[in-house]
Amino acid sequence: MTPNIRYDWKADKDDALTLPVGLGYSNVYKTGRLPLRVAAEIQYSFIAPDNVGSDWNFRLLFIPVIPNPFR
């Protein structure tokens, strides 16, 4: 999981921090010549500002795995 922890330095102390926790799944698939990493994550912000933002977050990632050009 790659949480997006945020802190707003200009907000009130009680509404400054966003701290999510969650679960995810990731796997590498071979599609043609390049491997492709596919990941899905769901996060719940158990500490979040009262007036802005969402409580739940869902992320879907498609990341190509590029070979090392320096070999």
N, C-alpha and C. Protein backbone atom coordinates (compact mmCIF):
# COMPACT_ATOMS: atom_id res chain seq x y z
N MET A 1 0.84 -1.18 0.00
CA MET A 1 0.00 0.00 0.00
C MET A 1 0.88 1.23 0.00
N THR A 2 0.46 2.23 -0.72
CA THR A 2 1.16 3.51 -0.76
C THR A 2 0.19 4.61 -0.34
N PRO A 3 0.08 4.86 0.96
CA PRO A 3 -0.88 5.86 1.42
C PRO A 3 -0.42 7.27 1.08
N ASN A 4 -1.39 8.15 0.89
CA ASN A 4 -1.13 9.57 0.66
C ASN A 4 -1.39 10.31 1.96
N ILE A 5 -0.36 10.45 2.78
CA ILE A 5 -0.47 11.16 4.05
C ILE A 5 -0.30 12.65 3.74
N ARG A 6 -1.26 13.45 4.19
CA ARG A 6 -1.22 14.89 3.91
C ARG A 6 -1.31 15.68 5.21
N TYR A 7 -0.63 16.83 5.22
CA TYR A 7 -0.70 17.74 6.35
C TYR A 7 -0.78 19.16 5.82
N ASP A 8 -1.81 19.89 6.21
CA ASP A 8 -2.01 21.28 5.78
C ASP A 8 -1.52 22.19 6.89
N TRP A 9 -0.39 22.84 6.65
CA TRP A 9 0.23 23.68 7.68
C TRP A 9 -0.58 24.93 7.98
N LYS A 10 -1.47 25.34 7.08
CA LYS A 10 -2.25 26.55 7.28
C LYS A 10 -3.60 26.29 7.93
N ALA A 11 -4.00 25.05 8.03
CA ALA A 11 -5.30 24.70 8.61
C ALA A 11 -5.22 24.66 10.13
N ASP A 12 -6.40 24.62 10.76
CA ASP A 12 -6.45 24.44 12.21
C ASP A 12 -5.82 23.11 12.58
N LYS A 13 -5.35 23.00 13.81
CA LYS A 13 -4.65 21.79 14.24
C LYS A 13 -5.52 20.54 14.11
N ASP A 14 -6.81 20.64 14.38
CA ASP A 14 -7.69 19.48 14.31
C ASP A 14 -8.04 19.08 12.88
N ASP A 15 -7.89 19.99 11.91
CA ASP A 15 -8.24 19.70 10.52
C ASP A 15 -7.03 19.66 9.60
N ALA A 16 -5.83 19.48 10.11
CA ALA A 16 -4.63 19.57 9.28
C ALA A 16 -4.17 18.22 8.72
N LEU A 17 -4.39 17.13 9.43
CA LEU A 17 -3.81 15.84 9.07
C LEU A 17 -4.82 14.94 8.37
N THR A 18 -4.36 14.26 7.30
CA THR A 18 -5.12 13.20 6.66
C THR A 18 -4.24 11.95 6.70
N LEU A 19 -4.71 10.91 7.39
CA LEU A 19 -3.92 9.70 7.59
C LEU A 19 -4.75 8.47 7.21
N PRO A 20 -4.50 7.91 6.02
CA PRO A 20 -5.26 6.75 5.58
C PRO A 20 -4.58 5.43 5.95
N VAL A 21 -5.38 4.38 5.97
CA VAL A 21 -4.90 3.00 6.13
C VAL A 21 -5.71 2.15 5.17
N GLY A 22 -5.11 1.11 4.64
CA GLY A 22 -5.86 0.31 3.68
C GLY A 22 -5.16 -0.96 3.29
N LEU A 23 -5.72 -1.59 2.25
CA LEU A 23 -5.19 -2.85 1.72
C LEU A 23 -5.06 -2.74 0.22
N GLY A 24 -4.18 -3.56 -0.33
CA GLY A 24 -4.01 -3.55 -1.76
C GLY A 24 -3.52 -4.89 -2.27
N TYR A 25 -3.60 -5.03 -3.59
CA TYR A 25 -3.12 -6.23 -4.26
C TYR A 25 -2.34 -5.79 -5.49
N SER A 26 -1.20 -6.44 -5.73
CA SER A 26 -0.38 -6.10 -6.87
C SER A 26 0.20 -7.38 -7.46
N ASN A 27 0.29 -7.41 -8.81
CA ASN A 27 0.86 -8.56 -9.48
C ASN A 27 1.49 -8.08 -10.79
N VAL A 28 2.48 -8.81 -11.27
CA VAL A 28 3.15 -8.49 -12.52
C VAL A 28 2.69 -9.48 -13.58
N TYR A 29 2.25 -8.94 -14.71
CA TYR A 29 1.78 -9.75 -15.84
C TYR A 29 2.66 -9.47 -17.04
N LYS A 30 2.92 -10.49 -17.84
CA LYS A 30 3.70 -10.32 -19.05
C LYS A 30 2.75 -10.12 -20.22
N THR A 31 2.79 -8.93 -20.82
CA THR A 31 1.96 -8.61 -21.97
C THR A 31 2.90 -8.25 -23.11
N GLY A 32 3.09 -9.14 -24.03
CA GLY A 32 4.03 -8.89 -25.10
C GLY A 32 5.45 -8.98 -24.58
N ARG A 33 6.26 -7.98 -24.88
CA ARG A 33 7.66 -8.00 -24.44
C ARG A 33 7.89 -7.35 -23.08
N LEU A 34 7.02 -6.41 -22.70
CA LEU A 34 7.20 -5.70 -21.43
C LEU A 34 6.30 -6.26 -20.35
N PRO A 35 6.84 -6.48 -19.15
CA PRO A 35 5.98 -6.82 -18.02
C PRO A 35 5.16 -5.60 -17.60
N LEU A 36 3.99 -5.86 -17.05
CA LEU A 36 3.09 -4.80 -16.61
C LEU A 36 2.66 -5.10 -15.17
N ARG A 37 2.92 -4.14 -14.29
CA ARG A 37 2.48 -4.29 -12.90
C ARG A 37 1.10 -3.68 -12.77
N VAL A 38 0.16 -4.48 -12.27
CA VAL A 38 -1.21 -4.03 -12.06
C VAL A 38 -1.48 -4.07 -10.56
N ALA A 39 -2.00 -2.98 -10.03
CA ALA A 39 -2.25 -2.90 -8.60
C ALA A 39 -3.60 -2.24 -8.34
N ALA A 40 -4.25 -2.65 -7.27
CA ALA A 40 -5.49 -2.04 -6.81
C ALA A 40 -5.39 -1.86 -5.30
N GLU A 41 -5.79 -0.69 -4.83
CA GLU A 41 -5.72 -0.38 -3.40
C GLU A 41 -7.00 0.32 -2.98
N ILE A 42 -7.43 0.04 -1.77
CA ILE A 42 -8.54 0.76 -1.16
C ILE A 42 -8.04 1.29 0.18
N GLN A 43 -8.37 2.55 0.47
CA GLN A 43 -7.88 3.20 1.68
C GLN A 43 -9.02 3.91 2.38
N TYR A 44 -8.97 3.89 3.70
CA TYR A 44 -9.92 4.63 4.52
C TYR A 44 -9.13 5.62 5.37
N SER A 45 -9.51 6.88 5.32
CA SER A 45 -8.83 7.91 6.11
C SER A 45 -9.46 7.96 7.50
N PHE A 46 -8.79 7.31 8.46
CA PHE A 46 -9.34 7.30 9.82
C PHE A 46 -9.05 8.59 10.56
N ILE A 47 -8.12 9.40 10.06
CA ILE A 47 -7.93 10.77 10.52
C ILE A 47 -8.05 11.65 9.29
N ALA A 48 -9.05 12.52 9.25
CA ALA A 48 -9.27 13.36 8.08
C ALA A 48 -9.90 14.69 8.52
N PRO A 49 -9.70 15.75 7.72
CA PRO A 49 -10.35 17.02 8.03
C PRO A 49 -11.87 16.89 7.98
N ASP A 50 -12.56 17.69 8.79
CA ASP A 50 -14.02 17.63 8.86
C ASP A 50 -14.69 18.23 7.63
N ASN A 51 -14.08 19.25 7.04
CA ASN A 51 -14.79 20.00 6.00
C ASN A 51 -14.33 19.72 4.58
N VAL A 52 -13.20 19.05 4.37
CA VAL A 52 -12.66 18.83 3.01
C VAL A 52 -12.19 17.39 2.88
N GLY A 53 -12.29 16.85 1.67
CA GLY A 53 -11.74 15.54 1.41
C GLY A 53 -12.77 14.43 1.54
N SER A 54 -12.32 13.23 1.24
CA SER A 54 -13.20 12.07 1.30
C SER A 54 -12.69 11.08 2.34
N ASP A 55 -13.58 10.23 2.81
CA ASP A 55 -13.19 9.22 3.79
C ASP A 55 -12.56 8.00 3.11
N TRP A 56 -13.03 7.66 1.91
CA TRP A 56 -12.56 6.48 1.19
C TRP A 56 -11.82 6.89 -0.07
N ASN A 57 -10.83 6.07 -0.45
CA ASN A 57 -10.04 6.32 -1.64
C ASN A 57 -9.76 4.97 -2.31
N PHE A 58 -9.95 4.89 -3.63
CA PHE A 58 -9.65 3.69 -4.40
C PHE A 58 -8.65 4.04 -5.48
N ARG A 59 -7.57 3.26 -5.59
CA ARG A 59 -6.54 3.51 -6.59
C ARG A 59 -6.36 2.27 -7.46
N LEU A 60 -6.28 2.49 -8.75
CA LEU A 60 -6.02 1.43 -9.71
C LEU A 60 -4.80 1.88 -10.52
N LEU A 61 -3.74 1.05 -10.50
CA LEU A 61 -2.48 1.44 -11.12
C LEU A 61 -2.08 0.45 -12.21
N PHE A 62 -1.59 0.97 -13.33
CA PHE A 62 -1.01 0.19 -14.41
C PHE A 62 0.40 0.75 -14.63
N ILE A 63 1.42 -0.03 -14.31
CA ILE A 63 2.79 0.46 -14.33
C ILE A 63 3.63 -0.44 -15.24
N PRO A 64 4.14 0.08 -16.35
CA PRO A 64 5.02 -0.74 -17.19
C PRO A 64 6.38 -0.91 -16.51
N VAL A 65 6.92 -2.11 -16.59
CA VAL A 65 8.24 -2.40 -16.03
C VAL A 65 9.24 -2.32 -17.16
N ILE A 66 10.06 -1.27 -17.15
CA ILE A 66 11.00 -1.01 -18.23
C ILE A 66 12.35 -1.65 -17.88
N PRO A 67 12.96 -2.37 -18.82
CA PRO A 67 14.25 -3.00 -18.53
C PRO A 67 15.34 -1.96 -18.28
N ASN A 68 16.35 -2.37 -17.56
CA ASN A 68 17.48 -1.49 -17.23
C ASN A 68 18.29 -1.19 -18.49
N PRO A 69 18.42 0.09 -18.88
CA PRO A 69 19.16 0.40 -20.10
C PRO A 69 20.68 0.38 -19.93
N PHE A 70 21.16 0.22 -18.70
CA PHE A 70 22.59 0.29 -18.42
C PHE A 70 23.23 -1.09 -18.29
N ARG A 71 22.57 -2.14 -18.72
CA ARG A 71 23.16 -3.48 -18.64
C ARG A 71 23.98 -3.76 -19.86
